[in-house]
Protein backbone atom coordinates (compact mmCIF):
# COMPACT_ATOMS: atom_id res chain seq x y z
CA GLY A 1 5.58 -14.46 17.47
CA ASP A 2 7.31 -18.02 15.34
CA LEU A 3 6.69 -21.50 17.56
CA PHE A 4 9.98 -23.57 16.70
CA GLY A 5 9.96 -27.60 17.37
CA LEU A 6 13.56 -29.08 18.63
CA GLY A 7 14.32 -32.87 16.88
CA LYS A 8 15.94 -35.54 18.14
CA ASP A 9 19.31 -33.92 15.87
CA GLY A 10 18.85 -31.30 18.52
CA THR A 11 17.43 -29.25 15.33
CA GLU A 12 15.51 -26.54 15.21
CA PHE A 13 12.73 -26.11 12.63
CA PRO A 14 9.23 -24.55 12.40
CA VAL A 15 5.40 -25.70 13.65
CA GLU A 16 2.22 -24.92 14.34
CA VAL A 17 0.08 -25.47 16.51
CA ASP A 18 -3.67 -26.26 16.89
CA LEU A 19 -5.68 -26.92 20.07
CA ASN A 20 -8.91 -28.39 19.30
CA PRO A 21 -12.01 -28.99 22.58
CA ILE A 22 -13.17 -32.09 22.54
CA ARG A 23 -16.47 -32.63 24.72
CA ALA A 24 -15.73 -36.50 26.26
CA GLY A 25 -18.83 -36.97 28.55
CA GLU A 26 -18.51 -35.21 31.68
CA GLY A 27 -15.43 -33.74 30.71
CA PHE A 28 -13.47 -31.97 27.99
CA LEU A 29 -10.17 -33.28 25.98
CA VAL A 30 -7.87 -31.18 23.45
CA LEU A 31 -6.61 -32.54 20.20
CA GLY A 32 -3.23 -31.62 19.71
CA VAL A 33 -2.06 -31.17 16.48
CA ILE A 34 1.69 -29.93 15.86
CA VAL A 35 2.45 -29.89 11.70
CA ASP A 36 6.11 -28.71 10.96
CA THR A 37 5.72 -25.66 8.44
CA SER A 38 9.30 -26.31 7.06
CA GLU A 39 8.36 -26.78 3.76
CA ARG A 40 5.79 -24.13 3.26
CA LYS A 41 8.14 -21.50 5.06
CA ARG A 42 10.58 -22.36 2.42
CA MET A 43 7.94 -21.82 -1.04
CA ASP A 44 6.73 -18.28 0.49
CA ARG A 45 10.28 -17.52 0.70
CA LEU A 46 11.34 -19.06 -2.42
CA LYS A 47 7.60 -17.11 -4.23
CA ASP A 48 8.61 -13.78 -2.59
CA GLU A 49 12.24 -14.44 -3.79
CA PHE A 50 10.80 -14.68 -7.66
CA VAL A 51 9.04 -12.32 -7.26
CA SER A 52 11.18 -9.98 -5.73
CA THR A 53 14.00 -10.44 -8.21
CA VAL A 54 11.61 -10.80 -11.31
CA SER A 55 10.40 -6.79 -10.52
CA HIS A 56 13.60 -5.91 -10.00
CA GLU A 57 14.47 -7.03 -13.38
CA LEU A 58 11.51 -5.36 -15.05
CA ARG A 59 11.86 -2.30 -13.48
CA THR A 60 14.87 -0.85 -16.06
CA PRO A 61 13.25 -1.67 -19.77
CA LEU A 62 9.43 -0.52 -18.19
CA THR A 63 11.28 2.62 -17.15
CA SER A 64 12.99 3.43 -20.85
CA ILE A 65 9.67 2.61 -22.41
CA SER A 66 7.61 4.62 -20.36
CA GLY A 67 10.26 7.57 -21.05
CA SER A 68 10.48 7.05 -24.48
CA LEU A 69 6.55 7.30 -24.49
CA GLY A 70 6.33 10.56 -22.42
CA LEU A 71 8.87 11.88 -25.16
CA LEU A 72 6.99 10.63 -27.56
CA VAL A 73 3.21 12.04 -26.07
CA GLY A 74 5.34 14.81 -24.56
CA GLN A 75 6.77 16.39 -28.50
CA TRP A 76 5.03 13.93 -31.20
CA SER A 77 1.05 13.11 -30.43
CA GLY A 78 -0.03 17.30 -31.87
CA LYS A 79 1.52 16.25 -35.23
CA LEU A 80 0.35 12.18 -35.29
CA PRO A 81 -3.80 11.39 -36.45
CA GLN A 82 -5.87 11.62 -34.00
CA SER A 83 -6.10 7.73 -33.20
CA ALA A 84 -2.47 7.19 -32.92
CA ALA A 85 -2.06 9.61 -30.30
CA ARG A 86 -4.62 8.36 -28.82
CA LEU A 87 -3.51 4.90 -28.34
CA LEU A 88 0.58 6.64 -27.70
CA ALA A 89 -1.55 8.40 -24.34
CA ILE A 90 -2.90 4.46 -23.60
CA ALA A 91 0.45 3.06 -23.64
CA TYR A 92 2.01 5.95 -21.77
CA LYS A 93 -0.34 5.57 -19.07
CA ASN A 94 -0.40 2.01 -18.77
CA SER A 95 3.21 2.20 -18.49
CA GLN A 96 3.51 4.13 -15.36
CA ARG A 97 0.75 2.34 -13.84
CA LEU A 98 3.46 -0.49 -14.06
CA ILE A 99 5.87 1.07 -12.83
CA ARG A 100 3.64 1.93 -9.46
CA LEU A 101 2.82 -1.82 -9.32
CA LEU A 102 6.50 -2.18 -9.41
CA ASN A 103 7.47 0.33 -7.24
CA ASP A 104 4.76 -0.81 -4.94
CA ILE A 105 5.84 -4.86 -4.59
CA LEU A 106 9.89 -3.48 -3.84
CA ASP A 107 8.68 -1.00 -1.52
CA ILE A 108 6.56 -4.02 0.39
CA GLU A 109 9.03 -6.82 -0.19
CA LYS A 110 11.79 -4.42 1.50
CA LEU A 111 9.45 -3.42 4.52
CA GLU A 112 8.42 -7.14 5.15
CA SER A 113 11.80 -7.86 5.30
CA GLY A 114 12.97 -5.00 7.25
CA ARG A 115 16.09 -3.52 5.30
CA VAL A 116 14.09 -0.01 4.63
CA VAL A 117 16.10 2.00 7.04
CA PHE A 118 13.72 4.53 9.09
CA ASN A 119 15.21 7.62 9.17
CA LEU A 120 13.62 9.64 12.33
CA THR A 121 13.89 13.49 13.32
CA ARG A 122 10.51 15.75 13.86
CA VAL A 123 8.44 16.63 12.15
CA ASP A 124 5.98 19.51 12.00
CA VAL A 125 2.77 16.88 10.65
CA ARG A 126 0.55 19.81 9.76
CA LEU A 127 3.71 21.39 7.06
CA LEU A 128 4.07 17.73 6.00
CA VAL A 129 0.14 16.60 5.30
CA GLU A 130 -0.22 20.40 3.58
CA GLN A 131 3.06 19.58 0.91
CA ALA A 132 1.10 16.44 0.35
CA ILE A 133 -1.92 17.42 -0.63
CA GLU A 134 -0.15 20.25 -3.07
CA ASP A 135 1.80 17.03 -4.73
CA ASN A 136 -1.30 15.11 -5.25
CA ARG A 137 -2.87 18.38 -6.40
CA GLY A 138 -2.55 17.23 -10.40
CA PHE A 139 -3.75 14.07 -9.29
CA ALA A 140 -7.22 15.40 -7.66
CA GLU A 141 -7.55 17.31 -10.33
CA GLY A 142 -7.66 14.36 -13.22
CA TYR A 143 -10.78 12.58 -11.17
CA GLY A 144 -12.31 16.42 -10.86
CA VAL A 145 -11.77 16.00 -7.01
CA HIS A 146 -11.32 19.05 -4.42
CA VAL A 147 -8.56 18.30 -1.58
CA GLN A 148 -8.99 20.74 1.40
CA LEU A 149 -7.14 20.52 4.76
CA ASP A 150 -9.72 21.04 7.03
CA ALA A 151 -9.49 25.05 8.99
CA ALA A 152 -9.50 22.94 12.58
CA SER A 153 -6.99 21.24 12.23
CA GLY A 154 -4.18 21.72 14.30
CA ASP A 155 -0.23 21.92 14.51
CA GLY A 156 2.08 18.55 15.86
CA GLU A 157 5.52 17.33 15.90
CA VAL A 158 6.43 13.70 15.82
CA ASN A 159 8.96 11.86 15.51
CA ALA A 160 9.40 10.07 12.45
CA ASP A 161 10.79 9.72 9.46
CA PRO A 162 8.95 12.51 6.69
CA ASP A 163 9.53 10.31 3.36
CA ARG A 164 7.58 7.63 4.56
CA LEU A 165 4.89 9.18 6.72
CA ALA A 166 4.53 11.23 3.49
CA GLN A 167 4.38 7.96 1.70
CA VAL A 168 1.60 7.39 4.22
CA VAL A 169 -0.30 10.40 3.53
CA THR A 170 -0.04 9.85 -0.39
CA ASN A 171 -1.71 6.26 -0.76
CA LEU A 172 -4.17 6.96 1.53
CA LEU A 173 -5.22 10.21 -0.58
CA SER A 174 -4.87 8.77 -3.89
CA ASN A 175 -7.36 6.27 -2.68
CA ALA A 176 -9.62 8.79 -1.33
CA ILE A 177 -9.09 10.88 -4.72
CA LYS A 178 -9.74 7.65 -6.99
CA PHE A 179 -13.36 6.81 -5.28
CA SER A 180 -14.74 9.94 -4.76
CA PRO A 181 -17.12 11.22 -6.97
CA ALA A 182 -16.35 13.93 -9.23
CA ASP A 183 -16.56 17.26 -7.93
CA GLU A 184 -16.79 16.26 -4.81
CA GLU A 185 -14.34 16.70 -1.69
CA VAL A 186 -11.60 15.42 -0.06
CA LEU A 187 -10.78 15.96 3.89
CA VAL A 188 -7.75 16.14 5.41
CA ALA A 189 -6.93 16.91 9.01
CA VAL A 190 -4.80 17.10 11.64
CA GLU A 191 -5.72 16.80 15.58
CA LYS A 192 -3.47 16.75 18.55
CA ILE A 193 -4.91 14.72 21.16
CA ASP A 194 -3.03 14.96 24.16
CA ASP A 195 0.60 13.57 23.15
CA ILE A 196 -0.64 12.02 19.93
CA VAL A 197 -1.25 13.54 16.31
CA ARG A 198 -4.30 11.80 14.43
CA ILE A 199 -4.23 11.92 10.26
CA SER A 200 -7.65 11.57 9.10
CA VAL A 201 -8.34 11.82 5.20
CA ARG A 202 -11.96 11.60 4.43
CA ASP A 203 -13.70 11.15 1.81
CA HIS A 204 -17.67 10.78 -0.05
CA GLY A 205 -17.02 7.33 -2.33
CA SER A 206 -19.00 4.60 -1.88
CA GLY A 207 -17.08 3.19 1.38
CA VAL A 208 -15.33 -0.04 2.19
CA PRO A 209 -18.18 -2.95 2.31
CA VAL A 210 -18.37 -4.17 5.69
CA ASP A 211 -17.46 -7.80 4.88
CA PHE A 212 -14.43 -6.11 3.33
CA LYS A 213 -13.47 -4.22 5.72
CA GLU A 214 -11.06 -6.72 7.72
CA HIS A 215 -9.17 -7.49 4.13
CA ILE A 216 -8.77 -4.15 3.44
CA PHE A 217 -5.03 -4.11 4.77
CA ALA A 218 -4.12 -7.53 2.88
CA LYS A 219 -1.39 -7.81 -0.10
CA PHE A 220 -3.23 -6.95 -3.52
CA ALA A 221 -6.59 -6.44 -1.48
CA GLN A 222 -9.16 -4.62 -3.51
CA ALA A 223 -13.19 -4.40 -2.29
CA ASP A 224 -14.84 -4.72 -5.51
CA GLY A 225 -12.88 -5.53 -8.06
CA THR A 226 -14.44 -4.24 -11.55
CA ASN A 227 -14.30 -1.33 -10.14
CA SER A 228 -10.98 -1.41 -8.58
CA ARG A 229 -9.81 -2.16 -11.45
CA GLN A 230 -10.93 0.76 -12.90
CA LYS A 231 -9.47 3.12 -10.72
CA GLY A 232 -5.85 1.91 -12.04
CA GLY A 233 -5.16 -0.04 -8.21
CA THR A 234 -2.34 -2.11 -6.95
CA GLY A 235 -4.42 -3.52 -3.94
CA LEU A 236 -1.48 -2.73 -2.02
CA GLY A 237 -0.92 0.89 -0.75
CA LEU A 238 -2.75 0.19 2.29
CA SER A 239 -0.47 -2.55 3.55
CA ILE A 240 2.18 -0.47 2.70
CA VAL A 241 0.39 1.87 4.78
CA LYS A 242 0.00 -0.81 7.75
CA GLN A 243 3.95 -1.46 7.26
CA ILE A 244 5.03 2.10 7.08
CA VAL A 245 2.70 2.50 10.21
CA GLU A 246 3.50 -0.31 12.32
CA ARG A 247 7.34 0.64 11.69
CA LEU A 248 7.45 3.97 13.25
CA GLY A 249 5.48 3.09 15.92
């Protein structure tokens, strides 16, 4: 939890305490440093508010642009010269990518500020996973990847928010699909171990580099910059997964 200091006037302020042992002759001394973090916290809050405000403001015009481009792609690309149709498709694809990024930023901001309401109910995990696989089949086909539910998967009910749990599975699936070689398989399994239900998503991609494993749940973290950028990720998917799973207990 957060630590707070108490000023002479009775006001509380956030602090960080750092303790460093120093060898002094036969024994040890401890150097204690207490830092007032009020200004840093204020700057962090301003930064978060700025990102949130900009994201909200951008979403409306971007949705309009993406919708218009989608109509053009659907109705007019066949009547345009090939070079123009290709440019239109690129513009549409990237407008959708921007919307996904904005939605991820707004999601993580709401999760971190505790403004996401979780509606808990009994959820059949296998059914939810099967539906998530079906919903992402088109996305997988775009990468030439096959998504399968492990035949040995069991049944199990959990107390969870079905929409948020589906979001977790979708984020894990999209990661696995994007980093799988074409014609490979992504295997999803549901296991019931005593009173715990475990969902696992396994791909045959290059895996996570050892020195990056401790950072995979950090915001905007991407292992290999060039490869990740080509795959079109936001670097927020696993951070959102972690936040939701922790909130669901």
